[in-house]
């Protein structure tokens, strides 16, 4: 859920949009937004309020930003025994299954037997699979507790400590707040796929097979088509795109180069609340093009 300061920032930006659109008087009292509507702006106001409600009330189980493409080639951390582990570990295998977990997460613990089974699977080892765990440490998820859980579940695969590594921190930041998260990483140390939530043995095996297919049958890359206003890349322009632009304007998310091009519907080389306004007007059917 966004912090209070993020919410206040978004409210301020919404007020700015209202002003730019000459909607009329707007005030905030005891959590309610009071406004006067002019010039047929009822739809745009409703959409803006919907965006605010979504941002302040919904905690998504999907990752905020897709971690596919994140690099761990320069990772530098240690395993549970204090041995140094770097990004070179990925270059030693064709595919690495990395499981991000925490001790207070039951779905994380429930996965242990399945991950262990995969880690000792001779066929997978022949094909070049490595299995790693990655522990999120906090006051309730300590190294001692983690070791105890692994011992009780007879887990022998290597587990890493996240520590302060910058690449691991970026991976975590792009993976949302739900746990566990499992990643497939190629020999270059790049994340090629991920899965949020616990899996049974069949699901883990299917996930791993997906990784081998991606590596063994790479798809030719094509220049992606950029649709103005389609910031979230779902081939449509709607309130979800405006939400992303508003969150970017509030400093809550980052956008890649393609998203910035799509979001700059005003074509002023800047993505801001003005672009969100235009996207919302398009979604409301008030304009038909940018």
C-alpha atoms as a PDB file:
ATOM      1  CA  UNK A   1       0.000   0.000   0.000  1.00  0.00           C
ATOM      2  CA  UNK A   2       1.440   3.449  -0.846  1.00  0.00           C
ATOM      3  CA  UNK A   3       2.906   5.502   1.993  1.00  0.00           C
ATOM      4  CA  UNK A   4       0.947   8.482   3.320  1.00  0.00           C
ATOM      5  CA  UNK A   5       3.306  10.931   1.633  1.00  0.00           C
ATOM      6  CA  UNK A   6       2.823   9.178  -1.710  1.00  0.00           C
ATOM      7  CA  UNK A   7      -0.946   9.455  -1.318  1.00  0.00           C
ATOM      8  CA  UNK A   8      -0.746  13.151  -0.409  1.00  0.00           C
ATOM      9  CA  UNK A   9       1.494  13.734  -3.423  1.00  0.00           C
ATOM     10  CA  UNK A  10      -1.025  12.046  -5.697  1.00  0.00           C
ATOM     11  CA  UNK A  11      -3.871  14.109  -4.224  1.00  0.00           C
ATOM     12  CA  UNK A  12      -1.897  17.274  -4.964  1.00  0.00           C
ATOM     13  CA  UNK A  13      -1.321  16.166  -8.547  1.00  0.00           C
ATOM     14  CA  UNK A  14      -4.997  15.343  -8.994  1.00  0.00           C
ATOM     15  CA  UNK A  15      -5.859  18.832  -7.740  1.00  0.00           C
ATOM     16  CA  UNK A  16      -3.413  20.260 -10.252  1.00  0.00           C
ATOM     17  CA  UNK A  17      -5.086  18.348 -13.079  1.00  0.00           C
ATOM     18  CA  UNK A  18      -8.477  19.609 -11.912  1.00  0.00           C
ATOM     19  CA  UNK A  19      -7.159  23.154 -11.993  1.00  0.00           C
ATOM     20  CA  UNK A  20      -5.655  22.755 -15.450  1.00  0.00           C
ATOM     21  CA  UNK A  21      -8.941  21.403 -16.726  1.00  0.00           C
ATOM     22  CA  UNK A  22     -10.800  24.310 -15.121  1.00  0.00           C
ATOM     23  CA  UNK A  23     -13.109  21.912 -13.367  1.00  0.00           C
ATOM     24  CA  UNK A  24     -13.924  24.367 -10.652  1.00  0.00           C
ATOM     25  CA  UNK A  25     -13.504  24.464  -6.928  1.00  0.00           C
ATOM     26  CA  UNK A  26     -11.999  21.447  -5.196  1.00  0.00           C
ATOM     27  CA  UNK A  27     -11.267  20.885  -1.546  1.00  0.00           C
ATOM     28  CA  UNK A  28     -10.332  18.009   0.722  1.00  0.00           C
ATOM     29  CA  UNK A  29     -12.167  17.686   4.034  1.00  0.00           C
ATOM     30  CA  UNK A  30     -12.241  14.703   6.366  1.00  0.00           C
ATOM     31  CA  UNK A  31     -11.135  12.354   3.614  1.00  0.00           C
ATOM     32  CA  UNK A  32     -13.736  13.476   1.058  1.00  0.00           C
ATOM     33  CA  UNK A  33     -13.096  15.338  -2.163  1.00  0.00           C
ATOM     34  CA  UNK A  34     -15.649  18.072  -2.820  1.00  0.00           C
ATOM     35  CA  UNK A  35     -15.858  19.579  -6.281  1.00  0.00           C
ATOM     36  CA  UNK A  36     -17.985  21.514  -8.700  1.00  0.00           C
ATOM     37  CA  UNK A  37     -18.216  20.137 -12.195  1.00  0.00           C
ATOM     38  CA  UNK A  38     -18.223  22.367 -15.251  1.00  0.00           C
ATOM     39  CA  UNK A  39     -17.932  21.920 -18.995  1.00  0.00           C
ATOM     40  CA  UNK A  40     -19.021  18.268 -19.027  1.00  0.00           C
ATOM     41  CA  UNK A  41     -16.067  16.954 -17.033  1.00  0.00           C
ATOM     42  CA  UNK A  42     -18.035  14.447 -14.941  1.00  0.00           C
ATOM     43  CA  UNK A  43     -16.445  11.413 -16.589  1.00  0.00           C
ATOM     44  CA  UNK A  44     -12.876  12.597 -16.156  1.00  0.00           C
ATOM     45  CA  UNK A  45     -13.445  13.376 -12.482  1.00  0.00           C
ATOM     46  CA  UNK A  46     -14.949   9.947 -11.861  1.00  0.00           C
ATOM     47  CA  UNK A  47     -11.991   8.302 -13.531  1.00  0.00           C
ATOM     48  CA  UNK A  48      -9.505  10.347 -11.514  1.00  0.00           C
ATOM     49  CA  UNK A  49     -11.236   9.421  -8.264  1.00  0.00           C
ATOM     50  CA  UNK A  50     -11.213   5.780  -9.314  1.00  0.00           C
ATOM     51  CA  UNK A  51      -7.461   5.968  -9.860  1.00  0.00           C
ATOM     52  CA  UNK A  52      -6.994   7.430  -6.372  1.00  0.00           C
ATOM     53  CA  UNK A  53      -9.089   4.666  -4.802  1.00  0.00           C
ATOM     54  CA  UNK A  54      -7.170   1.984  -6.640  1.00  0.00           C
ATOM     55  CA  UNK A  55      -3.798   3.391  -5.648  1.00  0.00           C
ATOM     56  CA  UNK A  56      -4.702   3.835  -1.993  1.00  0.00           C
ATOM     57  CA  UNK A  57      -6.719   0.689  -1.315  1.00  0.00           C
ATOM     58  CA  UNK A  58      -5.468  -2.178  -3.448  1.00  0.00           C
ATOM     59  CA  UNK A  59      -2.413  -4.244  -2.618  1.00  0.00           C
ATOM     60  CA  UNK A  60      -1.632  -6.162  -5.759  1.00  0.00           C
ATOM     61  CA  UNK A  61      -0.292  -9.706  -5.689  1.00  0.00           C
ATOM     62  CA  UNK A  62       1.395  -9.129  -9.027  1.00  0.00           C
ATOM     63  CA  UNK A  63       4.781  -7.593  -9.290  1.00  0.00           C
ATOM     64  CA  UNK A  64       4.653  -3.818  -9.696  1.00  0.00           C
ATOM     65  CA  UNK A  65       7.356  -4.008 -12.343  1.00  0.00           C
ATOM     66  CA  UNK A  66       8.325  -7.041 -14.389  1.00  0.00           C
ATOM     67  CA  UNK A  67      11.666  -8.438 -13.102  1.00  0.00           C
ATOM     68  CA  UNK A  68      12.346 -10.218 -16.414  1.00  0.00           C
ATOM     69  CA  UNK A  69      15.555  -8.736 -17.779  1.00  0.00           C
ATOM     70  CA  UNK A  70      17.051  -7.992 -14.360  1.00  0.00           C
ATOM     71  CA  UNK A  71      20.732  -8.886 -14.184  1.00  0.00           C
ATOM     72  CA  UNK A  72      22.540 -10.732 -11.399  1.00  0.00           C
ATOM     73  CA  UNK A  73      25.841 -11.092 -13.256  1.00  0.00           C
ATOM     74  CA  UNK A  74      27.612  -8.743 -10.819  1.00  0.00           C
ATOM     75  CA  UNK A  75      25.894 -10.084  -7.713  1.00  0.00           C
ATOM     76  CA  UNK A  76      28.099 -10.357  -4.638  1.00  0.00           C
ATOM     77  CA  UNK A  77      26.774 -12.032  -1.514  1.00  0.00           C
ATOM     78  CA  UNK A  78      27.367 -15.033   0.773  1.00  0.00           C
ATOM     79  CA  UNK A  79      25.691 -18.371   1.374  1.00  0.00           C
ATOM     80  CA  UNK A  80      24.378 -19.553   4.749  1.00  0.00           C
ATOM     81  CA  UNK A  81      27.871 -20.721   5.731  1.00  0.00           C
ATOM     82  CA  UNK A  82      29.467 -17.373   4.945  1.00  0.00           C
ATOM     83  CA  UNK A  83      31.098 -18.460   1.702  1.00  0.00           C
ATOM     84  CA  UNK A  84      31.357 -15.767  -0.965  1.00  0.00           C
ATOM     85  CA  UNK A  85      29.017 -16.200  -3.939  1.00  0.00           C
ATOM     86  CA  UNK A  86      29.165 -13.967  -7.023  1.00  0.00           C
ATOM     87  CA  UNK A  87      27.268 -13.665 -10.275  1.00  0.00           C
ATOM     88  CA  UNK A  88      29.765 -16.050 -11.852  1.00  0.00           C
ATOM     89  CA  UNK A  89      27.764 -18.909 -10.348  1.00  0.00           C
ATOM     90  CA  UNK A  90      25.150 -18.454 -13.087  1.00  0.00           C
ATOM     91  CA  UNK A  91      27.707 -18.840 -15.876  1.00  0.00           C
ATOM     92  CA  UNK A  92      28.478 -22.345 -14.617  1.00  0.00           C
ATOM     93  CA  UNK A  93      24.986 -23.607 -15.461  1.00  0.00           C
ATOM     94  CA  UNK A  94      22.619 -23.486 -18.412  1.00  0.00           C
ATOM     95  CA  UNK A  95      19.665 -22.534 -16.186  1.00  0.00           C
ATOM     96  CA  UNK A  96      19.309 -21.558 -12.543  1.00  0.00           C
ATOM     97  CA  UNK A  97      16.134 -21.861 -10.499  1.00  0.00           C
ATOM     98  CA  UNK A  98      16.259 -19.191  -7.743  1.00  0.00           C
ATOM     99  CA  UNK A  99      13.633 -19.223  -4.989  1.00  0.00           C
ATOM    100  CA  UNK A 100      13.130 -16.058  -2.919  1.00  0.00           C
ATOM    101  CA  UNK A 101      11.614 -16.875   0.488  1.00  0.00           C
ATOM    102  CA  UNK A 102      11.135 -15.874   4.108  1.00  0.00           C
ATOM    103  CA  UNK A 103      10.685 -18.016   7.235  1.00  0.00           C
ATOM    104  CA  UNK A 104       7.246 -16.653   8.233  1.00  0.00           C
ATOM    105  CA  UNK A 105       5.702 -17.480   4.845  1.00  0.00           C
ATOM    106  CA  UNK A 106       3.881 -20.849   4.923  1.00  0.00           C
ATOM    107  CA  UNK A 107       3.696 -21.224   1.105  1.00  0.00           C
ATOM    108  CA  UNK A 108       7.475 -20.706   1.091  1.00  0.00           C
ATOM    109  CA  UNK A 109       8.034 -23.539   3.562  1.00  0.00           C
ATOM    110  CA  UNK A 110       5.531 -25.785   1.767  1.00  0.00           C
ATOM    111  CA  UNK A 111       7.664 -25.537  -1.386  1.00  0.00           C
ATOM    112  CA  UNK A 112      10.797 -26.921   0.288  1.00  0.00           C
ATOM    113  CA  UNK A 113      10.217 -30.639  -0.438  1.00  0.00           C
ATOM    114  CA  UNK A 114       9.442 -29.912  -4.094  1.00  0.00           C
ATOM    115  CA  UNK A 115      12.466 -27.662  -4.578  1.00  0.00           C
ATOM    116  CA  UNK A 116      14.680 -30.224  -2.860  1.00  0.00           C
ATOM    117  CA  UNK A 117      13.367 -32.945  -5.183  1.00  0.00           C
ATOM    118  CA  UNK A 118      14.250 -30.846  -8.216  1.00  0.00           C
ATOM    119  CA  UNK A 119      17.683 -29.974  -6.834  1.00  0.00           C
ATOM    120  CA  UNK A 120      18.717 -33.660  -6.616  1.00  0.00           C
ATOM    121  CA  UNK A 121      17.100 -34.687  -9.917  1.00  0.00           C
ATOM    122  CA  UNK A 122      19.887 -36.286 -11.968  1.00  0.00           C
ATOM    123  CA  UNK A 123      18.209 -35.557 -15.307  1.00  0.00           C
ATOM    124  CA  UNK A 124      17.983 -31.856 -14.521  1.00  0.00           C
ATOM    125  CA  UNK A 125      21.607 -31.813 -13.392  1.00  0.00           C
ATOM    126  CA  UNK A 126      22.616 -33.367 -16.734  1.00  0.00           C
ATOM    127  CA  UNK A 127      20.701 -30.689 -18.589  1.00  0.00           C
ATOM    128  CA  UNK A 128      22.546 -27.974 -16.690  1.00  0.00           C
ATOM    129  CA  UNK A 129      20.101 -26.902 -13.965  1.00  0.00           C
ATOM    130  CA  UNK A 130      21.206 -25.376 -10.683  1.00  0.00           C
ATOM    131  CA  UNK A 131      18.915 -24.639  -7.726  1.00  0.00           C
ATOM    132  CA  UNK A 132      19.410 -21.799  -5.257  1.00  0.00           C
ATOM    133  CA  UNK A 133      17.412 -20.251  -2.426  1.00  0.00           C
ATOM    134  CA  UNK A 134      17.496 -16.565  -1.523  1.00  0.00           C
ATOM    135  CA  UNK A 135      16.487 -15.546   1.998  1.00  0.00           C
ATOM    136  CA  UNK A 136      14.723 -12.309   2.890  1.00  0.00           C
ATOM    137  CA  UNK A 137      15.969 -11.487   6.383  1.00  0.00           C
ATOM    138  CA  UNK A 138      14.116  -9.376   8.926  1.00  0.00           C
ATOM    139  CA  UNK A 139      13.497  -9.466  12.690  1.00  0.00           C
ATOM    140  CA  UNK A 140      11.183 -12.467  12.287  1.00  0.00           C
ATOM    141  CA  UNK A 141      13.128 -14.172   9.509  1.00  0.00           C
ATOM    142  CA  UNK A 142      16.614 -14.718  10.887  1.00  0.00           C
ATOM    143  CA  UNK A 143      19.469 -16.809   9.546  1.00  0.00           C
ATOM    144  CA  UNK A 144      19.165 -19.158  12.536  1.00  0.00           C
ATOM    145  CA  UNK A 145      15.457 -19.760  11.873  1.00  0.00           C
ATOM    146  CA  UNK A 146      16.121 -20.277   8.176  1.00  0.00           C
ATOM    147  CA  UNK A 147      18.812 -22.878   8.849  1.00  0.00           C
ATOM    148  CA  UNK A 148      16.468 -24.688  11.236  1.00  0.00           C
ATOM    149  CA  UNK A 149      13.669 -24.822   8.642  1.00  0.00           C
ATOM    150  CA  UNK A 150      16.025 -26.141   5.968  1.00  0.00           C
ATOM    151  CA  UNK A 151      17.373 -28.804   8.337  1.00  0.00           C
ATOM    152  CA  UNK A 152      13.877 -29.954   9.349  1.00  0.00           C
ATOM    153  CA  UNK A 153      12.935 -30.299   5.675  1.00  0.00           C
ATOM    154  CA  UNK A 154      16.213 -32.022   4.732  1.00  0.00           C
ATOM    155  CA  UNK A 155      17.033 -29.336   2.162  1.00  0.00           C
ATOM    156  CA  UNK A 156      20.577 -29.557   0.817  1.00  0.00           C
ATOM    157  CA  UNK A 157      20.561 -27.005  -2.015  1.00  0.00           C
ATOM    158  CA  UNK A 158      22.555 -23.804  -1.558  1.00  0.00           C
ATOM    159  CA  UNK A 159      20.808 -20.822   0.000  1.00  0.00           C
ATOM    160  CA  UNK A 160      22.029 -17.250  -0.270  1.00  0.00           C
ATOM    161  CA  UNK A 161      21.611 -14.206   1.933  1.00  0.00           C
ATOM    162  CA  UNK A 162      20.249 -11.157   0.115  1.00  0.00           C
ATOM    163  CA  UNK A 163      22.415  -8.746   2.089  1.00  0.00           C
ATOM    164  CA  UNK A 164      23.001  -5.292   0.620  1.00  0.00           C
ATOM    165  CA  UNK A 165      23.805  -6.332  -2.940  1.00  0.00           C
ATOM    166  CA  UNK A 166      22.522  -3.741  -5.424  1.00  0.00           C
ATOM    167  CA  UNK A 167      21.438  -6.187  -8.130  1.00  0.00           C
ATOM    168  CA  UNK A 168      19.534  -8.323  -5.627  1.00  0.00           C
ATOM    169  CA  UNK A 169      17.916  -5.157  -4.247  1.00  0.00           C
ATOM    170  CA  UNK A 170      16.783  -4.174  -7.752  1.00  0.00           C
ATOM    171  CA  UNK A 171      15.411  -7.671  -8.343  1.00  0.00           C
ATOM    172  CA  UNK A 172      13.440  -7.477  -5.089  1.00  0.00           C
ATOM    173  CA  UNK A 173      12.116  -4.006  -5.902  1.00  0.00           C
ATOM    174  CA  UNK A 174      10.768  -5.216  -9.255  1.00  0.00           C
ATOM    175  CA  UNK A 175       9.104  -8.319  -7.833  1.00  0.00           C
ATOM    176  CA  UNK A 176       6.274  -6.833  -5.779  1.00  0.00           C
ATOM    177  CA  UNK A 177       5.485  -7.639  -2.156  1.00  0.00           C
ATOM    178  CA  UNK A 178       4.180 -11.208  -2.398  1.00  0.00           C
ATOM    179  CA  UNK A 179       6.249 -14.255  -1.487  1.00  0.00           C
ATOM    180  CA  UNK A 180       7.541 -16.694  -2.495  1.00  0.00           C
ATOM    181  CA  UNK A 181       8.888 -15.635  -5.874  1.00  0.00           C
ATOM    182  CA  UNK A 182      10.778 -18.043  -8.116  1.00  0.00           C
ATOM    183  CA  UNK A 183      13.056 -16.921 -10.935  1.00  0.00           C
ATOM    184  CA  UNK A 184      14.678 -18.628 -13.910  1.00  0.00           C
ATOM    185  CA  UNK A 185      18.099 -17.206 -14.723  1.00  0.00           C
ATOM    186  CA  UNK A 186      20.218 -17.928 -17.787  1.00  0.00           C
ATOM    187  CA  UNK A 187      23.989 -18.354 -17.967  1.00  0.00           C
ATOM    188  CA  UNK A 188      24.441 -14.617 -18.498  1.00  0.00           C
ATOM    189  CA  UNK A 189      22.879 -13.961 -15.099  1.00  0.00           C
ATOM    190  CA  UNK A 190      19.673 -12.523 -16.595  1.00  0.00           C
ATOM    191  CA  UNK A 191      16.181 -13.298 -15.321  1.00  0.00           C
ATOM    192  CA  UNK A 192      14.225 -14.857 -18.206  1.00  0.00           C
ATOM    193  CA  UNK A 193      11.030 -15.776 -16.340  1.00  0.00           C
ATOM    194  CA  UNK A 194       9.474 -15.608 -12.883  1.00  0.00           C
ATOM    195  CA  UNK A 195       6.536 -16.936 -10.881  1.00  0.00           C
ATOM    196  CA  UNK A 196       4.838 -15.286  -7.906  1.00  0.00           C
ATOM    197  CA  UNK A 197       3.350 -17.622  -5.284  1.00  0.00           C
ATOM    198  CA  UNK A 198       3.875 -21.154  -4.070  1.00  0.00           C
ATOM    199  CA  UNK A 199       4.063 -24.111  -6.479  1.00  0.00           C
ATOM    200  CA  UNK A 200       3.686 -27.856  -6.206  1.00  0.00           C
ATOM    201  CA  UNK A 201       6.209 -30.240  -7.767  1.00  0.00           C
ATOM    202  CA  UNK A 202       4.454 -30.435 -11.141  1.00  0.00           C
ATOM    203  CA  UNK A 203       4.186 -26.657 -11.367  1.00  0.00           C
ATOM    204  CA  UNK A 204       7.869 -26.256 -10.546  1.00  0.00           C
ATOM    205  CA  UNK A 205       8.820 -28.799 -13.215  1.00  0.00           C
ATOM    206  CA  UNK A 206       6.598 -27.080 -15.784  1.00  0.00           C
ATOM    207  CA  UNK A 207       8.163 -23.766 -14.848  1.00  0.00           C
ATOM    208  CA  UNK A 208      11.667 -25.163 -15.312  1.00  0.00           C
ATOM    209  CA  UNK A 209      10.730 -26.655 -18.681  1.00  0.00           C
ATOM    210  CA  UNK A 210       9.532 -23.210 -19.720  1.00  0.00           C
ATOM    211  CA  UNK A 211      13.002 -21.902 -18.910  1.00  0.00           C
ATOM    212  CA  UNK A 212      14.735 -24.560 -21.005  1.00  0.00           C
ATOM    213  CA  UNK A 213      12.384 -23.796 -23.922  1.00  0.00           C
ATOM    214  CA  UNK A 214      13.220 -20.086 -23.724  1.00  0.00           C
ATOM    215  CA  UNK A 215      16.946 -20.833 -23.760  1.00  0.00           C
ATOM    216  CA  UNK A 216      16.905 -23.581 -26.385  1.00  0.00           C
ATOM    217  CA  UNK A 217      14.397 -21.931 -28.724  1.00  0.00           C
ATOM    218  CA  UNK A 218      14.979 -18.190 -28.498  1.00  0.00           C
ATOM    219  CA  UNK A 219      12.400 -16.104 -30.317  1.00  0.00           C
ATOM    220  CA  UNK A 220      13.663 -13.551 -32.836  1.00  0.00           C
ATOM    221  CA  UNK A 221      13.542 -10.073 -31.420  1.00  0.00           C
ATOM    222  CA  UNK A 222      11.429  -7.497 -33.150  1.00  0.00           C
ATOM    223  CA  UNK A 223      11.118  -3.802 -32.577  1.00  0.00           C
ATOM    224  CA  UNK A 224       8.032  -3.483 -30.384  1.00  0.00           C
ATOM    225  CA  UNK A 225       5.172  -1.384 -31.669  1.00  0.00           C
ATOM    226  CA  UNK A 226       4.674   1.655 -29.487  1.00  0.00           C
ATOM    227  CA  UNK A 227       1.060   2.698 -28.995  1.00  0.00           C
ATOM    228  CA  UNK A 228       0.759   6.218 -27.658  1.00  0.00           C
ATOM    229  CA  UNK A 229      -0.887   6.110 -24.246  1.00  0.00           C
ATOM    230  CA  UNK A 230      -0.360   2.357 -23.762  1.00  0.00           C
ATOM    231  CA  UNK A 231       2.137   2.700 -20.921  1.00  0.00           C
ATOM    232  CA  UNK A 232       1.512  -0.712 -19.339  1.00  0.00           C
ATOM    233  CA  UNK A 233       1.937  -2.544 -22.647  1.00  0.00           C
ATOM    234  CA  UNK A 234      -1.429  -4.334 -22.811  1.00  0.00           C
ATOM    235  CA  UNK A 235      -2.228  -2.986 -26.318  1.00  0.00           C
ATOM    236  CA  UNK A 236      -5.088  -0.815 -25.029  1.00  0.00           C
ATOM    237  CA  UNK A 237      -5.260   2.718 -23.647  1.00  0.00           C
ATOM    238  CA  UNK A 238      -7.263   2.909 -20.444  1.00  0.00           C
ATOM    239  CA  UNK A 239      -7.286   4.142 -16.852  1.00  0.00           C
ATOM    240  CA  UNK A 240      -4.568   1.639 -15.970  1.00  0.00           C
ATOM    241  CA  UNK A 241      -2.141   3.568 -18.185  1.00  0.00           C
ATOM    242  CA  UNK A 242      -3.113   6.836 -16.525  1.00  0.00           C
ATOM    243  CA  UNK A 243      -2.529   5.195 -13.138  1.00  0.00           C
ATOM    244  CA  UNK A 244       1.021   4.271 -14.132  1.00  0.00           C
ATOM    245  CA  UNK A 245       1.719   7.818 -15.356  1.00  0.00           C
ATOM    246  CA  UNK A 246       0.359   9.320 -12.136  1.00  0.00           C
ATOM    247  CA  UNK A 247       2.479   6.976 -10.032  1.00  0.00           C
ATOM    248  CA  UNK A 248       5.519   7.882 -12.142  1.00  0.00           C
ATOM    249  CA  UNK A 249       4.772  11.588 -11.668  1.00  0.00           C
ATOM    250  CA  UNK A 250       4.584  10.982  -7.908  1.00  0.00           C
ATOM    251  CA  UNK A 251       7.941   9.198  -7.931  1.00  0.00           C
ATOM    252  CA  UNK A 252       6.376   5.854  -6.959  1.00  0.00           C
ATOM    253  CA  UNK A 253       7.530   3.820  -9.986  1.00  0.00           C
ATOM    254  CA  UNK A 254      10.144   3.976 -12.719  1.00  0.00           C
ATOM    255  CA  UNK A 255       9.408   3.694 -16.447  1.00  0.00           C
ATOM    256  CA  UNK A 256      11.659   2.227 -19.099  1.00  0.00           C
ATOM    257  CA  UNK A 257      12.446   3.989 -22.374  1.00  0.00           C
ATOM    258  CA  UNK A 258       9.543   2.426 -24.286  1.00  0.00           C
ATOM    259  CA  UNK A 259       7.064   3.316 -21.530  1.00  0.00           C
ATOM    260  CA  UNK A 260       8.300   6.908 -21.477  1.00  0.00           C
ATOM    261  CA  UNK A 261       7.755   7.203 -25.236  1.00  0.00           C
ATOM    262  CA  UNK A 262       4.251   5.721 -24.935  1.00  0.00           C
ATOM    263  CA  UNK A 263       3.392   7.913 -21.961  1.00  0.00           C
ATOM    264  CA  UNK A 264       4.445  11.206 -23.580  1.00  0.00           C
ATOM    265  CA  UNK A 265       1.116  11.691 -25.363  1.00  0.00           C
ATOM    266  CA  UNK A 266       1.562  15.480 -25.267  1.00  0.00           C
ATOM    267  CA  UNK A 267       4.838  15.055 -27.152  1.00  0.00           C
ATOM    268  CA  UNK A 268       6.714  17.529 -24.985  1.00  0.00           C
ATOM    269  CA  UNK A 269       9.531  15.113 -24.069  1.00  0.00           C
ATOM    270  CA  UNK A 270       8.199  14.904 -20.530  1.00  0.00           C
ATOM    271  CA  UNK A 271       5.822  12.429 -18.867  1.00  0.00           C
ATOM    272  CA  UNK A 272       3.688  14.115 -16.244  1.00  0.00           C
ATOM    273  CA  UNK A 273       0.154  14.736 -14.995  1.00  0.00           C
ATOM    274  CA  UNK A 274      -0.727  16.472 -18.261  1.00  0.00           C
ATOM    275  CA  UNK A 275      -0.186  13.189 -20.087  1.00  0.00           C
ATOM    276  CA  UNK A 276      -2.275  11.338 -17.484  1.00  0.00           C
ATOM    277  CA  UNK A 277      -5.075  13.842 -18.089  1.00  0.00           C
ATOM    278  CA  UNK A 278      -5.046  13.203 -21.834  1.00  0.00           C
ATOM    279  CA  UNK A 279      -4.992   9.441 -21.342  1.00  0.00           C
ATOM    280  CA  UNK A 280      -7.969   9.650 -18.982  1.00  0.00           C
ATOM    281  CA  UNK A 281      -9.866  11.839 -21.456  1.00  0.00           C
ATOM    282  CA  UNK A 282      -9.158   9.251 -24.168  1.00  0.00           C
ATOM    283  CA  UNK A 283     -10.374   6.444 -21.868  1.00  0.00           C
ATOM    284  CA  UNK A 284     -13.545   8.431 -21.175  1.00  0.00           C
ATOM    285  CA  UNK A 285     -14.216   8.872 -24.902  1.00  0.00           C
ATOM    286  CA  UNK A 286     -13.752  12.649 -24.717  1.00  0.00           C
ATOM    287  CA  UNK A 287     -10.975  12.625 -27.317  1.00  0.00           C
ATOM    288  CA  UNK A 288     -10.263  10.066 -30.042  1.00  0.00           C
ATOM    289  CA  UNK A 289      -6.553  10.621 -30.678  1.00  0.00           C
ATOM    290  CA  UNK A 290      -3.427  12.124 -29.141  1.00  0.00           C
END
